[in-house]
Amino acid sequence: MSKTSITFWGAAGQVTGSCHLLDYRGRKILLDAGLFQGRRRASQELNQAMSFDPRALDAIILSHAHIDHSGRLPLLASRQYDGPIHATPATRDLCAVMLADSAHIQESDFRWLQKKGRAGPEAEPLYTMADVLTVQELMHAHPYGKSFRIDGADIRASFFDAGHILGSASVVVQGERDGDPRIVFSGDIGRWNQPIIRDPQAPRGPVDTLIIESTYALRQHETTKGASETLGQIVRRVAERGGKVLIPSFALGRTQELVYALHELLRDGKIPEVPIFIDSPLALEATDVFRMHPEIFDRSEDLVRETSHLLDHHMVRYVRSVEESKGLNRLKGPAIIIAASGMVESGRILHHLINHGDNPNNAIVFVGFQAEHTLGRRIREGRSPVKIYGAEHEIAAEITTINGYSAHADRDELRHWVTDLGGPIQRAFCVHGEPEALEGMRAMLLELGVGEVHVPKHGETFTF
């Protein structure tokens, strides 16, 4: 039997850029092709430095549509990858809007920097809209729990609901011959009792090799109910002083979760009826995809059963045009503005921070992970001034974080998911985490009886 190997080309020793190259009985299968995010020059170099030939790949299996997992797919297509990209139906549909937005942002930012005379090589777009369209043509959609064959090989794969965002999946890869190793890639594991999204489903059974995310292996989140109560307290406090609540949010997943939470708070009279603006064309399109896939909503939730309009309310307004977005700069009185991007690296949230970030009556609320070297991380750490579009801006608004809205499992939930696998687990690789979290995940897995546990470095190959 031929050897199996895994080379870690992303999310190894860090959070972003998920990309793992599996050589399984001579077939090259890429698990995710995510975009690196953070410092512009360093990220661009990592994104450009494709250390393998895309034309040699037999298949790509995509865990979910977040850009740090899917964002380099068009770059692979531009470099002549023309094989299948396997995903769930919701992930396929979400990628259509997420990747188009990624291309648009890159092109727009490049034009803006050119106009300002600051467009260096690191600012050049990685790919075009034509490459995004090619990716959609390569997509093969598969429902949860139904195995599919890797083209031309007696190797099968299947998706299990990871409970992270709509359509997110853990992946199982296994050959059809006796003794073939069973490889499980966790993708990003979600949380139990998360609004709209079903609870994570671990693919039960013995595991030869586990690749597992470690984002919050050292952190305990507050409950989703607690997060909603905290959000309500913030909204009431800021509204009383006439301020605005600015929420940098991932357009996919987090924004829909926040709209759902605000809908519930308004329904129960726990916050005043202040206008809520979703200032993100991408969030609007992602919300439309949510409406297309009610078959995978969590039917155990009251609001899901009560209404088919989960993501709509008379106080919620979805902002599409640039003119409407600019109009929010002149808005008087209290309001809630939710805008991408979640790590404050691009998008309309930057303009709202420029116009509202210096007002102490306002609040900036972080509801998701802020990777090292991102603008969101610097603001969350209390740095001021910060550079936005190359200019210094003071941040005087109240800064707060709600950890309960994370779509990533915390320490106890990660343990729960690993235990649900049933095992035994022969070996594991800890990825998608900062160094301390990766070591925390490693210690947890050893404690749970995993045979051998590794924390791979970028570009490191393991053969077994």
Protein backbone atom coordinates (compact mmCIF):
# COMPACT_ATOMS: atom_id res chain seq x y z
CA MET A 1 0.00 0.00 0.00
CA SER A 2 1.42 3.38 -1.01
CA LYS A 3 2.19 6.03 1.58
CA THR A 4 -0.09 8.94 2.36
CA SER A 5 1.26 12.42 2.99
CA ILE A 6 -0.08 15.83 4.01
CA THR A 7 1.66 19.14 3.31
CA PHE A 8 0.40 22.18 5.19
CA TRP A 9 0.31 25.23 2.92
CA GLY A 10 -1.90 27.44 5.08
CA ALA A 11 -3.36 27.92 8.57
CA ALA A 12 -0.22 26.18 9.90
CA GLY A 13 1.04 28.13 12.89
CA GLN A 14 -1.56 30.81 12.18
CA VAL A 15 -5.28 31.23 11.62
CA THR A 16 -5.79 32.34 8.02
CA GLY A 17 -5.05 30.78 4.63
CA SER A 18 -6.45 27.28 5.26
CA CYS A 19 -4.86 24.96 2.67
CA HIS A 20 -3.76 21.33 3.15
CA LEU A 21 -2.42 19.17 0.32
CA LEU A 22 -3.25 15.50 0.71
CA ASP A 23 -1.39 12.91 -1.38
CA TYR A 24 -3.59 9.83 -1.03
CA ARG A 25 -2.46 6.79 -3.00
CA GLY A 26 -0.97 9.04 -5.68
CA ARG A 27 -4.02 11.32 -5.91
CA LYS A 28 -3.47 14.94 -4.97
CA ILE A 29 -6.44 16.36 -3.09
CA LEU A 30 -6.45 19.91 -1.76
CA LEU A 31 -8.46 20.55 1.40
CA ASP A 32 -9.46 24.25 1.23
CA ALA A 33 -7.72 27.06 -0.65
CA GLY A 34 -8.06 30.00 1.70
CA LEU A 35 -6.80 33.56 1.48
CA PHE A 36 -4.14 34.77 3.91
CA GLN A 37 -5.23 37.91 5.75
CA GLY A 38 -3.27 40.41 7.83
CA ARG A 39 -0.36 42.68 6.92
CA ARG A 40 -0.84 43.57 3.28
CA ARG A 41 2.67 42.88 1.98
CA ALA A 42 3.24 39.66 3.94
CA SER A 43 -0.23 38.33 3.10
CA GLN A 44 0.15 39.13 -0.58
CA GLU A 45 3.47 37.29 -0.70
CA LEU A 46 1.93 34.20 0.91
CA ASN A 47 -1.10 34.34 -1.38
CA GLN A 48 1.04 34.65 -4.49
CA ALA A 49 3.56 31.99 -3.47
CA MET A 50 1.64 28.91 -4.61
CA SER A 51 4.13 26.21 -3.67
CA PHE A 52 2.52 23.47 -5.75
CA ASP A 53 1.36 23.17 -9.35
CA PRO A 54 -2.43 23.62 -9.48
CA ARG A 55 -2.50 21.59 -12.71
CA ALA A 56 -1.25 18.54 -10.79
CA LEU A 57 -4.24 18.53 -8.43
CA ASP A 58 -6.91 15.84 -8.92
CA ALA A 59 -9.58 17.51 -6.79
CA ILE A 60 -10.29 20.28 -4.29
CA ILE A 61 -12.59 19.71 -1.34
CA LEU A 62 -13.91 22.90 0.25
CA SER A 63 -15.06 22.95 3.88
CA HIS A 64 -16.98 26.24 3.70
CA ALA A 65 -17.26 29.62 2.00
CA HIS A 66 -15.40 31.95 4.35
CA ILE A 67 -12.63 33.71 2.43
CA ASP A 68 -9.85 32.38 4.65
CA HIS A 69 -10.91 28.92 3.40
CA SER A 70 -12.09 29.62 -0.16
CA GLY A 71 -10.43 32.88 -1.22
CA ARG A 72 -7.59 31.45 -3.32
CA LEU A 73 -9.81 29.25 -5.49
CA PRO A 74 -9.93 31.87 -8.29
CA LEU A 75 -6.13 32.18 -8.11
CA LEU A 76 -5.87 28.42 -8.68
CA ALA A 77 -8.26 28.74 -11.62
CA SER A 78 -6.16 31.57 -13.06
CA ARG A 79 -3.17 29.21 -12.88
CA GLN A 80 -5.00 26.59 -14.93
CA TYR A 81 -6.61 24.37 -12.34
CA ASP A 82 -9.59 22.87 -14.17
CA GLY A 83 -10.60 19.90 -11.97
CA PRO A 84 -13.63 19.51 -9.69
CA ILE A 85 -14.21 21.61 -6.58
CA HIS A 86 -16.41 19.65 -4.18
CA ALA A 87 -18.62 21.52 -1.70
CA THR A 88 -22.07 21.44 -0.12
CA PRO A 89 -24.91 23.14 -2.07
CA ALA A 90 -25.03 26.12 0.31
CA THR A 91 -21.24 26.54 0.15
CA ARG A 92 -21.39 26.52 -3.65
CA ASP A 93 -24.06 29.24 -3.62
CA LEU A 94 -22.28 31.33 -1.01
CA CYS A 95 -18.98 31.14 -2.90
CA ALA A 96 -20.70 32.71 -5.88
CA VAL A 97 -21.17 35.91 -3.87
CA MET A 98 -18.17 35.71 -1.53
CA LEU A 99 -15.55 35.23 -4.24
CA ALA A 100 -17.10 37.85 -6.51
CA ASP A 101 -16.94 40.30 -3.61
CA SER A 102 -13.31 39.36 -2.93
CA ALA A 103 -12.36 40.10 -6.54
CA HIS A 104 -14.30 43.37 -6.48
CA ILE A 105 -12.62 44.53 -3.25
CA GLN A 106 -9.15 43.75 -4.59
CA GLU A 107 -9.81 45.60 -7.83
CA SER A 108 -11.41 48.59 -6.05
CA ASP A 109 -8.66 48.89 -3.46
CA PHE A 110 -6.03 48.77 -6.22
CA ARG A 111 -7.74 51.55 -8.18
CA TRP A 112 -8.05 53.69 -5.03
CA LEU A 113 -4.37 53.22 -4.15
CA GLN A 114 -3.40 53.98 -7.75
CA LYS A 115 -5.38 57.20 -7.53
CA LYS A 116 -3.50 58.12 -4.34
CA GLY A 117 -0.15 57.14 -5.83
CA ARG A 118 0.39 54.37 -3.27
CA ALA A 119 -0.21 51.25 -5.39
CA GLY A 120 2.82 49.03 -4.95
CA PRO A 121 3.14 45.44 -6.21
CA GLU A 122 1.58 44.12 -2.99
CA ALA A 123 -1.69 45.90 -3.88
CA GLU A 124 -2.24 44.23 -7.24
CA PRO A 125 -5.38 42.03 -7.44
CA LEU A 126 -4.73 38.31 -7.16
CA TYR A 127 -7.45 37.45 -9.67
CA THR A 128 -10.30 38.79 -11.78
CA MET A 129 -14.05 38.32 -11.94
CA ALA A 130 -13.53 35.97 -14.89
CA ASP A 131 -11.54 33.66 -12.61
CA VAL A 132 -14.41 33.70 -10.10
CA LEU A 133 -16.83 32.60 -12.83
CA THR A 134 -14.49 29.76 -13.74
CA VAL A 135 -14.56 28.56 -10.12
CA GLN A 136 -18.36 28.38 -10.18
CA GLU A 137 -18.23 26.24 -13.31
CA LEU A 138 -15.93 23.79 -11.52
CA MET A 139 -18.16 23.43 -8.45
CA HIS A 140 -19.74 20.02 -7.68
CA ALA A 141 -22.35 20.15 -4.90
CA HIS A 142 -23.01 17.25 -2.51
CA PRO A 143 -25.46 17.08 0.41
CA TYR A 144 -24.40 16.14 3.92
CA GLY A 145 -23.91 12.45 4.56
CA LYS A 146 -23.85 11.30 0.93
CA SER A 147 -20.40 10.12 -0.16
CA PHE A 148 -18.93 11.06 -3.52
CA ARG A 149 -16.04 9.66 -5.52
CA ILE A 150 -12.84 11.53 -6.24
CA ASP A 151 -12.83 11.49 -10.04
CA GLY A 152 -10.97 8.55 -11.56
CA ALA A 153 -10.03 6.99 -8.21
CA ASP A 154 -11.41 4.46 -5.76
CA ILE A 155 -11.36 7.14 -3.06
CA ARG A 156 -14.53 8.56 -1.58
CA ALA A 157 -15.29 11.65 0.49
CA SER A 158 -18.30 12.88 2.42
CA PHE A 159 -19.49 15.99 4.24
CA PHE A 160 -20.82 16.30 7.80
CA ASP A 161 -22.43 19.47 9.17
CA ALA A 162 -19.71 21.38 11.04
CA GLY A 163 -22.21 23.81 12.58
CA HIS A 164 -19.98 26.82 11.81
CA ILE A 165 -21.86 28.72 9.10
CA LEU A 166 -24.52 27.83 6.56
CA GLY A 167 -23.21 24.90 4.49
CA SER A 168 -20.02 24.41 6.51
CA ALA A 169 -18.67 20.89 6.63
CA SER A 170 -16.22 18.53 8.20
CA VAL A 171 -14.72 16.23 5.58
CA VAL A 172 -13.99 12.49 5.59
CA VAL A 173 -11.66 11.03 2.94
CA GLN A 174 -11.21 7.27 2.68
CA GLY A 175 -10.16 4.81 0.01
CA GLU A 176 -12.32 1.82 -0.87
CA ARG A 177 -9.62 -0.79 -0.35
CA ASP A 178 -9.19 -2.73 2.90
CA GLY A 179 -6.77 -0.95 5.18
CA ASP A 180 -7.05 2.44 3.49
CA PRO A 181 -6.63 5.23 6.07
CA ARG A 182 -9.66 7.23 7.17
CA ILE A 183 -8.75 10.93 7.20
CA VAL A 184 -10.97 13.49 8.91
CA PHE A 185 -10.62 17.24 8.33
CA SER A 186 -12.66 19.16 10.88
CA GLY A 187 -12.98 22.36 8.85
CA ASP A 188 -14.08 25.10 11.25
CA ILE A 189 -16.12 23.55 14.05
CA GLY A 190 -19.11 25.60 15.15
CA ARG A 191 -20.96 25.93 18.42
CA TRP A 192 -23.85 24.18 20.00
CA ASN A 193 -27.11 26.20 20.29
CA GLN A 194 -26.03 28.72 17.65
CA PRO A 195 -28.97 30.58 16.04
CA ILE A 196 -30.22 29.28 12.67
CA ILE A 197 -27.30 26.84 12.22
CA ARG A 198 -27.62 23.24 13.37
CA ASP A 199 -25.30 21.80 16.02
CA PRO A 200 -21.99 20.30 14.82
CA GLN A 201 -22.09 16.67 13.75
CA ALA A 202 -18.84 14.80 14.30
CA PRO A 203 -18.16 12.05 11.72
CA ARG A 204 -18.13 9.09 14.10
CA GLY A 205 -15.71 6.21 13.83
CA PRO A 206 -12.02 5.37 14.08
CA VAL A 207 -9.68 8.02 12.67
CA ASP A 208 -6.26 7.33 11.21
CA THR A 209 -5.46 11.02 10.72
CA LEU A 210 -7.30 14.04 12.10
CA ILE A 211 -6.68 17.61 10.91
CA ILE A 212 -8.38 19.84 13.46
CA GLU A 213 -8.90 23.57 13.89
CA SER A 214 -7.67 25.08 17.17
CA THR A 215 -8.85 28.70 17.10
CA TYR A 216 -10.25 28.84 20.63
CA ALA A 217 -8.64 25.80 22.24
CA LEU A 218 -7.74 27.93 25.27
CA ARG A 219 -10.87 30.06 25.54
CA GLN A 220 -14.27 29.58 27.08
CA HIS A 221 -17.07 31.54 25.36
CA GLU A 222 -20.09 32.94 27.05
CA THR A 223 -23.31 31.28 25.98
CA THR A 224 -25.25 32.48 22.95
CA LYS A 225 -28.02 33.55 25.32
CA GLY A 226 -25.49 35.49 27.39
CA ALA A 227 -24.12 37.12 24.23
CA SER A 228 -27.60 38.27 23.26
CA GLU A 229 -28.15 39.75 26.72
CA THR A 230 -24.79 41.56 26.51
CA LEU A 231 -25.68 42.92 23.06
CA GLY A 232 -28.98 44.19 24.47
CA GLN A 233 -27.19 45.95 27.34
CA ILE A 234 -24.77 47.66 24.95
CA VAL A 235 -27.55 48.83 22.62
CA ARG A 236 -29.57 50.25 25.52
CA ARG A 237 -26.54 51.99 27.05
CA VAL A 238 -25.36 53.59 23.79
CA ALA A 239 -28.87 54.54 22.68
CA GLU A 240 -29.46 56.35 25.98
CA ARG A 241 -26.49 58.64 25.27
CA GLY A 242 -27.56 59.16 21.66
CA GLY A 243 -24.67 57.19 20.20
CA LYS A 244 -24.22 54.68 17.45
CA VAL A 245 -23.23 51.04 17.79
CA LEU A 246 -20.70 50.12 15.10
CA ILE A 247 -20.28 46.38 14.59
CA PRO A 248 -17.57 45.13 12.23
CA SER A 249 -18.99 41.83 11.10
CA PHE A 250 -18.31 39.05 8.67
CA ALA A 251 -20.94 39.42 5.96
CA LEU A 252 -21.49 35.69 5.97
CA GLY A 253 -22.74 34.00 9.12
CA ARG A 254 -22.11 36.62 11.77
CA THR A 255 -24.27 39.31 10.21
CA GLN A 256 -27.23 36.95 9.85
CA GLU A 257 -26.74 35.79 13.46
CA LEU A 258 -26.76 39.40 14.67
CA VAL A 259 -29.91 40.25 12.71
CA TYR A 260 -31.58 37.17 14.21
CA ALA A 261 -30.48 38.21 17.74
CA LEU A 262 -31.66 41.81 17.28
CA HIS A 263 -34.96 40.50 15.87
CA GLU A 264 -35.44 38.48 19.07
CA LEU A 265 -34.43 41.41 21.31
CA LEU A 266 -36.90 43.71 19.52
CA ARG A 267 -39.64 41.08 19.65
CA ASP A 268 -39.16 40.71 23.41
CA GLY A 269 -38.94 44.48 24.03
CA LYS A 270 -35.40 44.25 25.38
CA ILE A 271 -33.97 47.04 23.21
CA PRO A 272 -35.50 50.32 22.00
CA GLU A 273 -36.64 50.56 18.39
CA VAL A 274 -33.52 52.17 16.96
CA PRO A 275 -32.79 51.86 13.23
CA ILE A 276 -30.53 48.95 12.28
CA PHE A 277 -28.51 49.31 9.09
CA ILE A 278 -26.84 46.34 7.42
CA ASP A 279 -24.34 48.27 5.33
CA SER A 280 -22.95 45.53 3.14
CA PRO A 281 -24.08 44.49 -0.33
CA LEU A 282 -22.31 41.20 0.30
CA ALA A 283 -24.30 40.61 3.50
CA LEU A 284 -27.49 41.28 1.54
CA GLU A 285 -26.52 38.68 -1.07
CA ALA A 286 -25.38 36.19 1.58
CA THR A 287 -28.72 36.68 3.35
CA ASP A 288 -30.49 35.84 0.09
CA VAL A 289 -28.54 32.55 0.02
CA PHE A 290 -29.71 31.85 3.58
CA ARG A 291 -33.28 32.29 2.35
CA MET A 292 -32.56 29.72 -0.39
CA HIS A 293 -31.57 26.99 2.07
CA PRO A 294 -34.15 26.74 4.89
CA GLU A 295 -33.83 22.94 4.64
CA ILE A 296 -30.66 23.09 6.75
CA PHE A 297 -31.91 25.53 9.41
CA ASP A 298 -32.15 24.38 13.03
CA ARG A 299 -35.84 23.57 13.45
CA SER A 300 -35.51 23.26 17.23
CA GLU A 301 -35.46 27.07 17.58
CA ASP A 302 -38.63 29.03 18.39
CA LEU A 303 -38.07 31.87 15.92
CA VAL A 304 -37.24 29.44 13.10
CA ARG A 305 -40.58 27.70 13.71
CA GLU A 306 -42.52 30.94 14.21
CA THR A 307 -41.63 32.81 11.04
CA SER A 308 -40.12 32.38 7.62
CA HIS A 309 -38.85 35.99 7.87
CA LEU A 310 -36.03 35.35 10.34
CA LEU A 311 -33.74 37.95 8.80
CA ASP A 312 -36.28 40.71 8.27
CA HIS A 313 -37.80 43.29 10.64
CA HIS A 314 -39.34 46.71 10.11
CA MET A 315 -36.39 48.32 11.94
CA VAL A 316 -33.79 46.52 9.78
CA ARG A 317 -32.66 48.17 6.56
CA TYR A 318 -30.24 46.57 4.11
CA VAL A 319 -28.02 49.23 2.51
CA ARG A 320 -26.82 48.52 -1.00
CA SER A 321 -25.72 51.71 -2.74
CA VAL A 322 -22.64 53.79 -1.97
CA GLU A 323 -24.86 56.90 -1.73
CA GLU A 324 -27.01 55.30 0.98
CA SER A 325 -23.90 54.22 2.85
CA LYS A 326 -22.44 57.74 2.73
CA GLY A 327 -25.76 59.04 4.02
CA LEU A 328 -25.15 57.19 7.29
CA ASN A 329 -22.28 59.60 7.96
CA ARG A 330 -24.86 62.36 8.42
CA LEU A 331 -27.26 60.25 10.47
CA LYS A 332 -28.47 61.93 13.67
CA GLY A 333 -29.41 60.08 16.82
CA PRO A 334 -28.87 56.50 17.93
CA ALA A 335 -28.49 53.68 15.41
CA ILE A 336 -26.87 50.30 14.92
CA ILE A 337 -24.58 49.94 11.90
CA ILE A 338 -23.36 46.47 10.98
CA ALA A 339 -20.78 46.47 8.19
CA ALA A 340 -18.05 44.27 6.74
CA SER A 341 -15.31 43.36 7.05
CA GLY A 342 -15.20 41.39 10.28
CA MET A 343 -11.46 41.97 10.85
CA VAL A 344 -11.73 45.62 9.69
CA GLU A 345 -9.31 45.04 6.82
CA SER A 346 -11.57 46.37 4.05
CA GLY A 347 -15.15 47.30 3.24
CA ARG A 348 -17.55 49.99 4.43
CA ILE A 349 -16.78 49.60 8.13
CA LEU A 350 -13.57 51.56 7.46
CA HIS A 351 -15.54 54.62 6.39
CA HIS A 352 -17.82 54.36 9.44
CA LEU A 353 -14.78 54.21 11.72
CA ILE A 354 -13.36 57.31 10.02
CA ASN A 355 -16.64 59.20 10.54
CA HIS A 356 -17.81 57.83 13.90
CA GLY A 357 -14.81 56.24 15.61
CA ASP A 358 -13.66 59.46 17.30
CA ASN A 359 -16.95 60.03 19.16
CA PRO A 360 -16.96 58.72 22.77
CA ASN A 361 -20.75 58.46 22.70
CA ASN A 362 -20.44 55.70 20.10
CA ALA A 363 -19.34 52.10 20.62
CA ILE A 364 -17.34 49.69 18.49
CA VAL A 365 -18.44 46.13 19.24
CA PHE A 366 -16.28 43.22 18.13
CA VAL A 367 -18.20 39.99 17.69
CA GLY A 368 -15.62 37.77 16.03
CA PHE A 369 -12.00 36.69 15.97
CA GLN A 370 -9.46 39.41 15.17
CA ALA A 371 -6.34 37.85 13.65
CA GLU A 372 -2.90 39.12 14.53
CA HIS A 373 -1.74 42.17 12.53
CA THR A 374 -5.27 43.11 11.41
CA LEU A 375 -6.73 46.58 11.97
CA GLY A 376 -9.51 45.02 14.05
CA ARG A 377 -6.94 43.50 16.39
CA ARG A 378 -5.19 46.86 16.83
CA ILE A 379 -8.43 48.70 17.61
CA ARG A 380 -9.61 45.95 19.97
CA GLU A 381 -6.31 46.24 21.85
CA GLY A 382 -7.01 49.95 22.37
CA ARG A 383 -4.48 51.45 19.98
CA SER A 384 -5.09 55.01 18.84
CA PRO A 385 -4.53 56.56 16.43
CA VAL A 386 -4.75 53.88 13.78
CA LYS A 387 -4.07 54.04 10.07
CA ILE A 388 -7.10 53.79 7.80
CA TYR A 389 -6.48 54.21 4.07
CA GLY A 390 -3.00 55.48 4.87
CA ALA A 391 -4.08 58.30 7.20
CA GLU A 392 -4.05 58.47 11.02
CA HIS A 393 -7.44 58.47 12.78
CA GLU A 394 -8.21 58.75 16.49
CA ILE A 395 -10.43 56.10 18.08
CA ALA A 396 -12.31 57.48 21.09
CA ALA A 397 -15.45 55.33 20.92
CA GLU A 398 -16.16 52.76 23.61
CA ILE A 399 -14.59 49.44 22.58
CA THR A 400 -16.07 46.17 23.69
CA THR A 401 -16.02 42.51 22.66
CA ILE A 402 -18.76 39.90 22.81
CA ASN A 403 -17.18 36.47 22.60
CA GLY A 404 -20.45 34.55 22.62
CA TYR A 405 -21.12 35.38 18.97
CA SER A 406 -18.09 33.50 17.79
CA ALA A 407 -18.97 30.83 15.23
CA HIS A 408 -15.93 28.82 16.39
CA ALA A 409 -16.18 26.16 19.07
CA ASP A 410 -14.53 27.03 22.36
CA ARG A 411 -12.32 24.75 24.48
CA ASP A 412 -15.13 22.61 25.92
CA GLU A 413 -16.95 22.41 22.59
CA LEU A 414 -13.79 21.29 20.79
CA ARG A 415 -13.36 18.59 23.43
CA HIS A 416 -17.01 17.60 22.96
CA TRP A 417 -16.57 17.27 19.19
CA VAL A 418 -13.40 15.17 19.48
CA THR A 419 -15.07 12.91 22.05
CA ASP A 420 -18.07 12.51 19.72
CA LEU A 421 -15.78 11.08 17.03
CA GLY A 422 -15.67 7.96 19.15
CA GLY A 423 -12.12 7.12 18.10
CA PRO A 424 -9.63 5.75 18.43
CA ILE A 425 -7.57 8.53 16.82
CA GLN A 426 -4.14 7.41 15.67
CA ARG A 427 -2.62 10.81 14.90
CA ALA A 428 -3.72 14.44 14.74
CA PHE A 429 -2.50 17.73 13.32
CA CYS A 430 -3.49 20.99 15.00
CA VAL A 431 -4.06 23.87 12.57
CA HIS A 432 -5.96 27.17 12.29
CA GLY A 433 -4.83 28.74 15.53
CA GLU A 434 -2.28 31.08 17.02
CA PRO A 435 0.74 29.42 18.66
CA GLU A 436 -0.60 29.22 22.22
CA ALA A 437 -3.97 27.88 21.06
CA LEU A 438 -2.26 25.26 18.90
CA GLU A 439 -0.24 24.04 21.87
CA GLY A 440 -3.41 24.04 23.97
CA MET A 441 -5.16 21.88 21.38
CA ARG A 442 -2.19 19.54 21.25
CA ALA A 443 -2.27 19.08 25.04
CA MET A 444 -6.02 18.44 24.97
CA LEU A 445 -5.73 15.75 22.29
CA LEU A 446 -2.92 13.98 24.12
CA GLU A 447 -5.03 14.06 27.27
CA LEU A 448 -7.90 12.49 25.29
CA GLY A 449 -5.67 9.61 24.26
CA VAL A 450 -4.71 10.52 20.69
CA GLY A 451 -1.67 8.46 19.71
CA GLU A 452 0.52 11.24 18.33
CA VAL A 453 -0.18 14.96 17.94
CA HIS A 454 1.70 17.45 15.75
CA VAL A 455 1.63 21.21 15.32
CA PRO A 456 2.82 21.55 11.70
CA LYS A 457 4.80 24.47 10.33
CA HIS A 458 4.00 26.21 7.06
CA GLY A 459 5.18 24.02 4.20
CA GLU A 460 5.90 21.00 6.42
CA THR A 461 5.12 17.53 5.03
CA PHE A 462 4.19 14.45 7.05
CA THR A 463 4.20 10.95 5.53
CA PHE A 464 2.52 7.94 7.13
